[in-house]
């Protein structure tokens, strides 16, 4: 087969498997380069009076775990509560980068 799913399907699978092993729910895409990760099981707490949860969570994951994620609330406007516990993971990466990310994900709940 051809297209995005054929080109990046293995990457999505690598990250999905790691998330499931870590007990982190994911929303797999039908197409595209991103999957959604539900961060609720991480039990992180942030003061959200000024900065949305997902923005702080993405910053925390980068600073403390070296895992790059993308917050969703900037895309949701007035409906930020629909996405505040989710971040995006990009799987259009090299296998080495994906495997490194998968190891980080597996260690998030330890």
PDB file of N, CA and C in Angstrom:
ATOM      1  N   UNK A   1       0.847  -1.181   0.000  1.00  0.00           N
ATOM      2  CA  UNK A   1       0.000   0.000   0.000  1.00  0.00           C
ATOM      3  C   UNK A   1       0.882   1.229   0.000  1.00  0.00           C
ATOM      4  N   UNK A   2       0.268   2.378  -0.252  1.00  0.00           N
ATOM      5  CA  UNK A   2       1.050   3.608  -0.320  1.00  0.00           C
ATOM      6  C   UNK A   2       0.430   4.659   0.570  1.00  0.00           C
ATOM      7  N   UNK A   3       1.077   5.801   0.641  1.00  0.00           N
ATOM      8  CA  UNK A   3       0.537   6.902   1.409  1.00  0.00           C
ATOM      9  C   UNK A   3       1.111   6.979   2.809  1.00  0.00           C
ATOM     10  N   UNK A   4       0.500   7.848   3.599  1.00  0.00           N
ATOM     11  CA  UNK A   4       0.987   8.132   4.948  1.00  0.00           C
ATOM     12  C   UNK A   4       0.981   6.892   5.822  1.00  0.00           C
ATOM     13  N   UNK A   5      -0.119   6.149   5.831  1.00  0.00           N
ATOM     14  CA  UNK A   5      -0.203   4.985   6.709  1.00  0.00           C
ATOM     15  C   UNK A   5       0.866   3.955   6.389  1.00  0.00           C
ATOM     16  N   UNK A   6       1.155   3.762   5.125  1.00  0.00           N
ATOM     17  CA  UNK A   6       2.188   2.805   4.742  1.00  0.00           C
ATOM     18  C   UNK A   6       3.564   3.303   5.144  1.00  0.00           C
ATOM     19  N   UNK A   7       3.793   4.603   4.962  1.00  0.00           N
ATOM     20  CA  UNK A   7       5.107   5.170   5.240  1.00  0.00           C
ATOM     21  C   UNK A   7       5.399   5.281   6.734  1.00  0.00           C
ATOM     22  N   UNK A   8       4.392   5.642   7.535  1.00  0.00           N
ATOM     23  CA  UNK A   8       4.630   5.913   8.949  1.00  0.00           C
ATOM     24  C   UNK A   8       3.885   4.986   9.901  1.00  0.00           C
ATOM     25  N   UNK A   9       3.218   3.968   9.365  1.00  0.00           N
ATOM     26  CA  UNK A   9       2.453   3.047  10.199  1.00  0.00           C
ATOM     27  C   UNK A   9       3.287   2.355  11.254  1.00  0.00           C
ATOM     28  N   UNK A  10       4.516   1.975  10.920  1.00  0.00           N
ATOM     29  CA  UNK A  10       5.386   1.328  11.908  1.00  0.00           C
ATOM     30  C   UNK A  10       5.696   2.275  13.058  1.00  0.00           C
ATOM     31  N   UNK A  11       5.891   3.539  12.748  1.00  0.00           N
ATOM     32  CA  UNK A  11       6.176   4.524  13.791  1.00  0.00           C
ATOM     33  C   UNK A  11       5.008   4.675  14.742  1.00  0.00           C
ATOM     34  N   UNK A  12       3.814   4.716  14.194  1.00  0.00           N
ATOM     35  CA  UNK A  12       2.626   4.796  15.026  1.00  0.00           C
ATOM     36  C   UNK A  12       2.537   3.556  15.910  1.00  0.00           C
ATOM     37  N   UNK A  13       2.821   2.400  15.340  1.00  0.00           N
ATOM     38  CA  UNK A  13       2.781   1.153  16.099  1.00  0.00           C
ATOM     39  C   UNK A  13       3.795   1.118  17.230  1.00  0.00           C
ATOM     40  N   UNK A  14       4.986   1.626  16.985  1.00  0.00           N
ATOM     41  CA  UNK A  14       6.043   1.648  18.013  1.00  0.00           C
ATOM     42  C   UNK A  14       5.588   2.475  19.206  1.00  0.00           C
ATOM     43  N   UNK A  15       5.047   3.666  18.937  1.00  0.00           N
ATOM     44  CA  UNK A  15       4.622   4.540  20.036  1.00  0.00           C
ATOM     45  C   UNK A  15       3.354   4.024  20.715  1.00  0.00           C
ATOM     46  N   UNK A  16       2.428   3.488  19.934  1.00  0.00           N
ATOM     47  CA  UNK A  16       1.193   2.947  20.509  1.00  0.00           C
ATOM     48  C   UNK A  16       1.499   1.803  21.467  1.00  0.00           C
ATOM     49  N   UNK A  17       2.369   0.904  21.059  1.00  0.00           N
ATOM     50  CA  UNK A  17       2.735  -0.228  21.910  1.00  0.00           C
ATOM     51  C   UNK A  17       3.381   0.264  23.212  1.00  0.00           C
ATOM     52  N   UNK A  18       4.270   1.227  23.114  1.00  0.00           N
ATOM     53  CA  UNK A  18       4.932   1.757  24.313  1.00  0.00           C
ATOM     54  C   UNK A  18       3.916   2.410  25.249  1.00  0.00           C
ATOM     55  N   UNK A  19       2.985   3.167  24.692  1.00  0.00           N
ATOM     56  CA  UNK A  19       1.960   3.824  25.517  1.00  0.00           C
ATOM     57  C   UNK A  19       1.101   2.784  26.221  1.00  0.00           C
ATOM     58  N   UNK A  20       0.705   1.770  25.506  1.00  0.00           N
ATOM     59  CA  UNK A  20      -0.131   0.723  26.121  1.00  0.00           C
ATOM     60  C   UNK A  20       0.625  -0.019  27.205  1.00  0.00           C
ATOM     61  N   UNK A  21       1.906  -0.289  26.977  1.00  0.00           N
ATOM     62  CA  UNK A  21       2.720  -0.957  27.990  1.00  0.00           C
ATOM     63  C   UNK A  21       2.828  -0.096  29.249  1.00  0.00           C
ATOM     64  N   UNK A  22       2.817   1.225  29.065  1.00  0.00           N
ATOM     65  CA  UNK A  22       2.918   2.148  30.193  1.00  0.00           C
ATOM     66  C   UNK A  22       1.553   2.453  30.815  1.00  0.00           C
ATOM     67  N   UNK A  23       0.492   1.868  30.257  1.00  0.00           N
ATOM     68  CA  UNK A  23      -0.846   2.128  30.786  1.00  0.00           C
ATOM     69  C   UNK A  23      -1.387   3.495  30.434  1.00  0.00           C
ATOM     70  N   UNK A  24      -0.941   4.029  29.302  1.00  0.00           N
ATOM     71  CA  UNK A  24      -1.375   5.345  28.844  1.00  0.00           C
ATOM     72  C   UNK A  24      -2.267   5.194  27.619  1.00  0.00           C
ATOM     73  N   UNK A  25      -3.537   5.583  27.705  1.00  0.00           N
ATOM     74  CA  UNK A  25      -4.438   5.469  26.563  1.00  0.00           C
ATOM     75  C   UNK A  25      -4.005   6.366  25.401  1.00  0.00           C
ATOM     76  N   UNK A  26      -4.235   5.873  24.194  1.00  0.00           N
ATOM     77  CA  UNK A  26      -3.918   6.648  22.998  1.00  0.00           C
ATOM     78  C   UNK A  26      -5.116   6.667  22.061  1.00  0.00           C
ATOM     79  N   UNK A  27      -5.144   7.675  21.217  1.00  0.00           N
ATOM     80  CA  UNK A  27      -6.098   7.751  20.118  1.00  0.00           C
ATOM     81  C   UNK A  27      -5.262   7.667  18.859  1.00  0.00           C
ATOM     82  N   UNK A  28      -5.398   6.548  18.149  1.00  0.00           N
ATOM     83  CA  UNK A  28      -4.633   6.356  16.921  1.00  0.00           C
ATOM     84  C   UNK A  28      -5.332   7.051  15.757  1.00  0.00           C
ATOM     85  N   UNK A  29      -4.566   7.652  14.874  1.00  0.00           N
ATOM     86  CA  UNK A  29      -5.172   8.360  13.739  1.00  0.00           C
ATOM     87  C   UNK A  29      -5.534   7.407  12.593  1.00  0.00           C
ATOM     88  N   UNK A  30      -6.496   7.834  11.801  1.00  0.00           N
ATOM     89  CA  UNK A  30      -6.789   7.115  10.561  1.00  0.00           C
ATOM     90  C   UNK A  30      -5.799   7.522   9.485  1.00  0.00           C
ATOM     91  N   UNK A  31      -5.304   8.733   9.579  1.00  0.00           N
ATOM     92  CA  UNK A  31      -4.263   9.219   8.673  1.00  0.00           C
ATOM     93  C   UNK A  31      -3.552  10.369   9.377  1.00  0.00           C
ATOM     94  N   UNK A  32      -2.485  10.822   8.806  1.00  0.00           N
ATOM     95  CA  UNK A  32      -1.733  11.914   9.403  1.00  0.00           C
ATOM     96  C   UNK A  32      -0.477  11.421  10.086  1.00  0.00           C
ATOM     97  N   UNK A  33       0.182  12.313  10.791  1.00  0.00           N
ATOM     98  CA  UNK A  33       1.479  12.044  11.396  1.00  0.00           C
ATOM     99  C   UNK A  33       1.467  12.099  12.919  1.00  0.00           C
ATOM    100  N   UNK A  34       0.290  12.292  13.511  1.00  0.00           N
ATOM    101  CA  UNK A  34       0.195  12.485  14.951  1.00  0.00           C
ATOM    102  C   UNK A  34      -0.809  11.532  15.584  1.00  0.00           C
ATOM    103  N   UNK A  35      -0.512  11.133  16.809  1.00  0.00           N
ATOM    104  CA  UNK A  35      -1.455  10.385  17.622  1.00  0.00           C
ATOM    105  C   UNK A  35      -1.670  11.185  18.899  1.00  0.00           C
ATOM    106  N   UNK A  36      -2.766  10.905  19.590  1.00  0.00           N
ATOM    107  CA  UNK A  36      -3.058  11.604  20.833  1.00  0.00           C
ATOM    108  C   UNK A  36      -2.766  10.704  22.019  1.00  0.00           C
ATOM    109  N   UNK A  37      -2.143  11.287  23.025  1.00  0.00           N
ATOM    110  CA  UNK A  37      -1.803  10.582  24.248  1.00  0.00           C
ATOM    111  C   UNK A  37      -2.605  11.193  25.394  1.00  0.00           C
ATOM    112  N   UNK A  38      -3.357  10.350  26.107  1.00  0.00           N
ATOM    113  CA  UNK A  38      -4.108  10.798  27.276  1.00  0.00           C
ATOM    114  C   UNK A  38      -3.158  10.785  28.470  1.00  0.00           C
ATOM    115  N   UNK A  39      -2.877  11.949  29.025  1.00  0.00           N
ATOM    116  CA  UNK A  39      -1.905  12.063  30.118  1.00  0.00           C
ATOM    117  C   UNK A  39      -2.536  11.893  31.500  1.00  0.00           C
ATOM    118  N   UNK A  40      -3.833  11.657  31.570  1.00  0.00           N
ATOM    119  CA  UNK A  40      -4.519  11.523  32.857  1.00  0.00           C
ATOM    120  C   UNK A  40      -3.830  10.532  33.798  1.00  0.00           C
ATOM    121  N   UNK A  41      -3.435   9.330  33.332  1.00  0.00           N
ATOM    122  CA  UNK A  41      -2.807   8.369  34.252  1.00  0.00           C
ATOM    123  C   UNK A  41      -1.466   8.820  34.837  1.00  0.00           C
ATOM    124  N   UNK A  42      -0.872   9.874  34.304  1.00  0.00           N
ATOM    125  CA  UNK A  42       0.398  10.348  34.839  1.00  0.00           C
ATOM    126  C   UNK A  42       0.212  11.061  36.184  1.00  0.00           C
ATOM    127  N   UNK A  43      -1.022  11.428  36.513  1.00  0.00           N
ATOM    128  CA  UNK A  43      -1.347  12.080  37.789  1.00  0.00           C
ATOM    129  C   UNK A  43      -0.499  13.320  38.051  1.00  0.00           C
ATOM    130  N   UNK A  44      -0.263  14.106  37.017  1.00  0.00           N
ATOM    131  CA  UNK A  44       0.479  15.353  37.174  1.00  0.00           C
ATOM    132  C   UNK A  44      -0.492  16.454  37.584  1.00  0.00           C
ATOM    133  N   UNK A  45      -0.042  17.342  38.437  1.00  0.00           N
ATOM    134  CA  UNK A  45      -0.889  18.450  38.870  1.00  0.00           C
ATOM    135  C   UNK A  45      -0.201  19.767  38.543  1.00  0.00           C
ATOM    136  N   UNK A  46      -0.972  20.673  37.967  1.00  0.00           N
ATOM    137  CA  UNK A  46      -0.471  21.995  37.613  1.00  0.00           C
ATOM    138  C   UNK A  46      -1.516  23.036  37.987  1.00  0.00           C
ATOM    139  N   UNK A  47      -1.046  24.235  38.276  1.00  0.00           N
ATOM    140  CA  UNK A  47      -1.952  25.361  38.479  1.00  0.00           C
ATOM    141  C   UNK A  47      -2.389  25.822  37.095  1.00  0.00           C
ATOM    142  N   UNK A  48      -3.646  25.624  36.770  1.00  0.00           N
ATOM    143  CA  UNK A  48      -4.129  25.943  35.430  1.00  0.00           C
ATOM    144  C   UNK A  48      -4.862  27.280  35.362  1.00  0.00           C
ATOM    145  N   UNK A  49      -4.684  28.111  36.366  1.00  0.00           N
ATOM    146  CA  UNK A  49      -5.385  29.398  36.367  1.00  0.00           C
ATOM    147  C   UNK A  49      -4.899  30.328  35.257  1.00  0.00           C
ATOM    148  N   UNK A  50      -3.653  30.153  34.821  1.00  0.00           N
ATOM    149  CA  UNK A  50      -3.117  31.032  33.778  1.00  0.00           C
ATOM    150  C   UNK A  50      -2.637  30.286  32.533  1.00  0.00           C
ATOM    151  N   UNK A  51      -2.149  29.061  32.722  1.00  0.00           N
ATOM    152  CA  UNK A  51      -1.614  28.289  31.602  1.00  0.00           C
ATOM    153  C   UNK A  51      -2.324  26.939  31.576  1.00  0.00           C
ATOM    154  N   UNK A  52      -2.868  26.525  30.424  1.00  0.00           N
ATOM    155  CA  UNK A  52      -3.596  25.261  30.352  1.00  0.00           C
ATOM    156  C   UNK A  52      -2.743  24.049  30.766  1.00  0.00           C
ATOM    157  N   UNK A  53      -3.427  23.057  31.279  1.00  0.00           N
ATOM    158  CA  UNK A  53      -2.791  21.818  31.740  1.00  0.00           C
ATOM    159  C   UNK A  53      -1.878  21.215  30.676  1.00  0.00           C
ATOM    160  N   UNK A  54      -2.387  21.055  29.449  1.00  0.00           N
ATOM    161  CA  UNK A  54      -1.604  20.365  28.421  1.00  0.00           C
ATOM    162  C   UNK A  54      -0.345  21.132  28.027  1.00  0.00           C
ATOM    163  N   UNK A  55      -0.394  22.442  28.085  1.00  0.00           N
ATOM    164  CA  UNK A  55       0.792  23.248  27.772  1.00  0.00           C
ATOM    165  C   UNK A  55       1.861  23.000  28.840  1.00  0.00           C
ATOM    166  N   UNK A  56       1.430  22.992  30.106  1.00  0.00           N
ATOM    167  CA  UNK A  56       2.371  22.730  31.190  1.00  0.00           C
ATOM    168  C   UNK A  56       2.864  21.284  31.169  1.00  0.00           C
ATOM    169  N   UNK A  57       1.975  20.361  30.816  1.00  0.00           N
ATOM    170  CA  UNK A  57       2.356  18.954  30.740  1.00  0.00           C
ATOM    171  C   UNK A  57       3.412  18.749  29.650  1.00  0.00           C
ATOM    172  N   UNK A  58       3.205  19.357  28.491  1.00  0.00           N
ATOM    173  CA  UNK A  58       4.193  19.244  27.408  1.00  0.00           C
ATOM    174  C   UNK A  58       5.545  19.799  27.836  1.00  0.00           C
ATOM    175  N   UNK A  59       5.516  20.918  28.522  1.00  0.00           N
ATOM    176  CA  UNK A  59       6.759  21.513  29.018  1.00  0.00           C
ATOM    177  C   UNK A  59       7.422  20.583  30.033  1.00  0.00           C
ATOM    178  N   UNK A  60       6.628  20.029  30.939  1.00  0.00           N
ATOM    179  CA  UNK A  60       7.142  19.098  31.948  1.00  0.00           C
ATOM    180  C   UNK A  60       7.764  17.864  31.289  1.00  0.00           C
ATOM    181  N   UNK A  61       7.076  17.285  30.316  1.00  0.00           N
ATOM    182  CA  UNK A  61       7.592  16.083  29.654  1.00  0.00           C
ATOM    183  C   UNK A  61       8.912  16.363  28.941  1.00  0.00           C
ATOM    184  N   UNK A  62       9.047  17.545  28.368  1.00  0.00           N
ATOM    185  CA  UNK A  62      10.294  17.910  27.688  1.00  0.00           C
ATOM    186  C   UNK A  62      11.409  18.164  28.700  1.00  0.00           C
ATOM    187  N   UNK A  63      11.127  18.956  29.713  1.00  0.00           N
ATOM    188  CA  UNK A  63      12.164  19.345  30.669  1.00  0.00           C
ATOM    189  C   UNK A  63      12.613  18.192  31.571  1.00  0.00           C
ATOM    190  N   UNK A  64      11.681  17.333  31.962  1.00  0.00           N
ATOM    191  CA  UNK A  64      12.004  16.279  32.930  1.00  0.00           C
ATOM    192  C   UNK A  64      12.236  14.904  32.310  1.00  0.00           C
ATOM    193  N   UNK A  65      11.734  14.696  31.091  1.00  0.00           N
ATOM    194  CA  UNK A  65      11.853  13.369  30.470  1.00  0.00           C
ATOM    195  C   UNK A  65      12.440  13.402  29.062  1.00  0.00           C
ATOM    196  N   UNK A  66      12.664  14.595  28.533  1.00  0.00           N
ATOM    197  CA  UNK A  66      13.201  14.756  27.170  1.00  0.00           C
ATOM    198  C   UNK A  66      12.289  14.138  26.115  1.00  0.00           C
ATOM    199  N   UNK A  67      10.963  14.237  26.367  1.00  0.00           N
ATOM    200  CA  UNK A  67       9.959  13.744  25.424  1.00  0.00           C
ATOM    201  C   UNK A  67       9.208  14.941  24.859  1.00  0.00           C
ATOM    202  N   UNK A  68       9.343  15.148  23.555  1.00  0.00           N
ATOM    203  CA  UNK A  68       8.684  16.273  22.893  1.00  0.00           C
ATOM    204  C   UNK A  68       7.249  15.898  22.537  1.00  0.00           C
ATOM    205  N   UNK A  69       6.305  16.711  23.026  1.00  0.00           N
ATOM    206  CA  UNK A  69       4.896  16.543  22.711  1.00  0.00           C
ATOM    207  C   UNK A  69       4.331  17.899  22.320  1.00  0.00           C
ATOM    208  N   UNK A  70       3.114  17.889  21.792  1.00  0.00           N
ATOM    209  CA  UNK A  70       2.481  19.126  21.346  1.00  0.00           C
ATOM    210  C   UNK A  70       1.143  19.263  22.066  1.00  0.00           C
ATOM    211  N   UNK A  71       0.930  20.366  22.788  1.00  0.00           N
ATOM    212  CA  UNK A  71      -0.361  20.556  23.457  1.00  0.00           C
ATOM    213  C   UNK A  71      -1.480  20.770  22.440  1.00  0.00           C
ATOM    214  N   UNK A  72      -2.703  20.414  22.827  1.00  0.00           N
ATOM    215  CA  UNK A  72      -3.846  20.546  21.922  1.00  0.00           C
ATOM    216  C   UNK A  72      -4.678  21.798  22.149  1.00  0.00           C
ATOM    217  N   UNK A  73      -4.682  22.331  23.369  1.00  0.00           N
ATOM    218  CA  UNK A  73      -5.600  23.444  23.640  1.00  0.00           C
ATOM    219  C   UNK A  73      -5.428  24.644  22.705  1.00  0.00           C
ATOM    220  N   UNK A  74      -4.237  24.946  22.201  1.00  0.00           N
ATOM    221  CA  UNK A  74      -4.153  26.079  21.268  1.00  0.00           C
ATOM    222  C   UNK A  74      -4.996  25.887  20.005  1.00  0.00           C
ATOM    223  N   UNK A  75      -5.375  24.649  19.698  1.00  0.00           N
ATOM    224  CA  UNK A  75      -6.166  24.362  18.504  1.00  0.00           C
ATOM    225  C   UNK A  75      -7.667  24.340  18.783  1.00  0.00           C
ATOM    226  N   UNK A  76      -8.078  24.393  20.060  1.00  0.00           N
ATOM    227  CA  UNK A  76      -9.472  24.181  20.401  1.00  0.00           C
ATOM    228  C   UNK A  76     -10.245  25.434  20.784  1.00  0.00           C
ATOM    229  N   UNK A  77      -9.628  26.582  20.853  1.00  0.00           N
ATOM    230  CA  UNK A  77     -10.349  27.816  21.146  1.00  0.00           C
ATOM    231  C   UNK A  77     -11.167  27.744  22.415  1.00  0.00           C
ATOM    232  N   UNK A  78     -12.470  27.915  22.295  1.00  0.00           N
ATOM    233  CA  UNK A  78     -13.350  27.978  23.463  1.00  0.00           C
ATOM    234  C   UNK A  78     -13.621  26.612  24.092  1.00  0.00           C
ATOM    235  N   UNK A  79     -13.272  25.540  23.444  1.00  0.00           N
ATOM    236  CA  UNK A  79     -13.560  24.197  23.952  1.00  0.00           C
ATOM    237  C   UNK A  79     -12.317  23.511  24.498  1.00  0.00           C
ATOM    238  N   UNK A  80     -11.494  24.254  25.200  1.00  0.00           N
ATOM    239  CA  UNK A  80     -10.223  23.717  25.694  1.00  0.00           C
ATOM    240  C   UNK A  80     -10.395  22.527  26.624  1.00  0.00           C
ATOM    241  N   UNK A  81     -11.510  22.471  27.363  1.00  0.00           N
ATOM    242  CA  UNK A  81     -11.710  21.356  28.285  1.00  0.00           C
ATOM    243  C   UNK A  81     -11.804  20.016  27.562  1.00  0.00           C
ATOM    244  N   UNK A  82     -12.096  20.029  26.281  1.00  0.00           N
ATOM    245  CA  UNK A  82     -12.166  18.785  25.505  1.00  0.00           C
ATOM    246  C   UNK A  82     -10.798  18.155  25.305  1.00  0.00           C
ATOM    247  N   UNK A  83      -9.760  18.956  25.391  1.00  0.00           N
ATOM    248  CA  UNK A  83      -8.437  18.453  25.033  1.00  0.00           C
ATOM    249  C   UNK A  83      -7.375  18.628  26.101  1.00  0.00           C
ATOM    250  N   UNK A  84      -7.715  19.171  27.257  1.00  0.00           N
ATOM    251  CA  UNK A  84      -6.675  19.589  28.189  1.00  0.00           C
ATOM    252  C   UNK A  84      -5.796  18.473  28.720  1.00  0.00           C
ATOM    253  N   UNK A  85      -6.241  17.251  28.735  1.00  0.00           N
ATOM    254  CA  UNK A  85      -5.423  16.146  29.250  1.00  0.00           C
ATOM    255  C   UNK A  85      -4.710  15.374  28.134  1.00  0.00           C
ATOM    256  N   UNK A  86      -4.864  15.815  26.910  1.00  0.00           N
ATOM    257  CA  UNK A  86      -4.242  15.149  25.767  1.00  0.00           C
ATOM    258  C   UNK A  86      -3.079  15.963  25.208  1.00  0.00           C
ATOM    259  N   UNK A  87      -2.067  15.257  24.729  1.00  0.00           N
ATOM    260  CA  UNK A  87      -0.978  15.876  23.976  1.00  0.00           C
ATOM    261  C   UNK A  87      -0.782  15.059  22.700  1.00  0.00           C
ATOM    262  N   UNK A  88      -0.174  15.682  21.713  1.00  0.00           N
ATOM    263  CA  UNK A  88       0.088  14.989  20.452  1.00  0.00           C
ATOM    264  C   UNK A  88       1.513  14.457  20.442  1.00  0.00           C
ATOM    265  N   UNK A  89       1.646  13.276  19.854  1.00  0.00           N
ATOM    266  CA  UNK A  89       2.954  12.681  19.587  1.00  0.00           C
ATOM    267  C   UNK A  89       3.086  12.541  18.081  1.00  0.00           C
ATOM    268  N   UNK A  90       4.207  12.978  17.546  1.00  0.00           N
ATOM    269  CA  UNK A  90       4.469  12.844  16.119  1.00  0.00           C
ATOM    270  C   UNK A  90       5.231  11.551  15.879  1.00  0.00           C
ATOM    271  N   UNK A  91       4.760  10.754  14.912  1.00  0.00           N
ATOM    272  CA  UNK A  91       5.455   9.508  14.613  1.00  0.00           C
ATOM    273  C   UNK A  91       6.111   9.520  13.234  1.00  0.00           C
ATOM    274  N   UNK A  92       6.216  10.694  12.626  1.00  0.00           N
ATOM    275  CA  UNK A  92       6.934  10.831  11.354  1.00  0.00           C
ATOM    276  C   UNK A  92       8.404  11.105  11.672  1.00  0.00           C
ATOM    277  N   UNK A  93       9.023  10.124  12.293  1.00  0.00           N
ATOM    278  CA  UNK A  93      10.406  10.236  12.766  1.00  0.00           C
ATOM    279  C   UNK A  93      11.177   8.998  12.363  1.00  0.00           C
ATOM    280  N   UNK A  94      12.479   9.039  12.533  1.00  0.00           N
ATOM    281  CA  UNK A  94      13.309   7.869  12.246  1.00  0.00           C
ATOM    282  C   UNK A  94      13.009   6.775  13.265  1.00  0.00           C
ATOM    283  N   UNK A  95      13.281   5.542  12.891  1.00  0.00           N
ATOM    284  CA  UNK A  95      13.064   4.424  13.811  1.00  0.00           C
ATOM    285  C   UNK A  95      13.871   4.605  15.087  1.00  0.00           C
ATOM    286  N   UNK A  96      15.091   5.083  14.985  1.00  0.00           N
ATOM    287  CA  UNK A  96      15.925   5.294  16.170  1.00  0.00           C
ATOM    288  C   UNK A  96      15.290   6.315  17.117  1.00  0.00           C
ATOM    289  N   UNK A  97      14.768   7.403  16.576  1.00  0.00           N
ATOM    290  CA  UNK A  97      14.113   8.422  17.392  1.00  0.00           C
ATOM    291  C   UNK A  97      12.850   7.865  18.037  1.00  0.00           C
ATOM    292  N   UNK A  98      12.077   7.105  17.266  1.00  0.00           N
ATOM    293  CA  UNK A  98      10.854   6.497  17.799  1.00  0.00           C
ATOM    294  C   UNK A  98      11.153   5.498  18.908  1.00  0.00           C
ATOM    295  N   UNK A  99      12.179   4.692  18.723  1.00  0.00           N
ATOM    296  CA  UNK A  99      12.551   3.710  19.756  1.00  0.00           C
ATOM    297  C   UNK A  99      13.017   4.413  21.031  1.00  0.00           C
ATOM    298  N   UNK A 100      13.763   5.506  20.873  1.00  0.00           N
ATOM    299  CA  UNK A 100      14.191   6.278  22.045  1.00  0.00           C
ATOM    300  C   UNK A 100      12.980   6.878  22.757  1.00  0.00           C
ATOM    301  N   UNK A 101      12.048   7.408  21.992  1.00  0.00           N
ATOM    302  CA  UNK A 101      10.827   7.951  22.567  1.00  0.00           C
ATOM    303  C   UNK A 101       9.998   6.880  23.258  1.00  0.00           C
ATOM    304  N   UNK A 102       9.940   5.697  22.654  1.00  0.00           N
ATOM    305  CA  UNK A 102       9.194   4.580  23.237  1.00  0.00           C
ATOM    306  C   UNK A 102       9.776   4.189  24.597  1.00  0.00           C
ATOM    307  N   UNK A 103      11.090   4.191  24.714  1.00  0.00           N
ATOM    308  CA  UNK A 103      11.723   3.874  26.001  1.00  0.00           C
ATOM    309  C   UNK A 103      11.370   4.916  27.061  1.00  0.00           C
ATOM    310  N   UNK A 104      11.355   6.174  26.663  1.00  0.00           N
ATOM    311  CA  UNK A 104      10.973   7.241  27.594  1.00  0.00           C
ATOM    312  C   UNK A 104       9.522   7.047  28.042  1.00  0.00           C
ATOM    313  N   UNK A 105       8.648   6.777  27.091  1.00  0.00           N
ATOM    314  CA  UNK A 105       7.218   6.579  27.401  1.00  0.00           C
ATOM    315  C   UNK A 105       7.043   5.420  28.371  1.00  0.00           C
ATOM    316  N   UNK A 106       7.741   4.327  28.120  1.00  0.00           N
ATOM    317  CA  UNK A 106       7.616   3.155  29.010  1.00  0.00           C
ATOM    318  C   UNK A 106       8.019   3.491  30.445  1.00  0.00           C
ATOM    319  N   UNK A 107       8.920   4.447  30.619  1.00  0.00           N
ATOM    320  CA  UNK A 107       9.395   4.802  31.950  1.00  0.00           C
ATOM    321  C   UNK A 107       8.608   5.910  32.642  1.00  0.00           C
ATOM    322  N   UNK A 108       7.609   6.470  31.983  1.00  0.00           N
ATOM    323  CA  UNK A 108       6.896   7.617  32.545  1.00  0.00           C
ATOM    324  C   UNK A 108       6.134   7.304  33.825  1.00  0.00           C
ATOM    325  N   UNK A 109       5.641   6.111  33.981  1.00  0.00           N
ATOM    326  CA  UNK A 109       4.809   5.783  35.144  1.00  0.00           C
ATOM    327  C   UNK A 109       5.565   5.000  36.201  1.00  0.00           C
ATOM    328  N   UNK A 110       6.884   4.983  36.131  1.00  0.00           N
ATOM    329  CA  UNK A 110       7.686   4.244  37.117  1.00  0.00           C
ATOM    330  C   UNK A 110       8.081   5.137  38.262  1.00  0.00           C
TER     331      UNK A 110
END
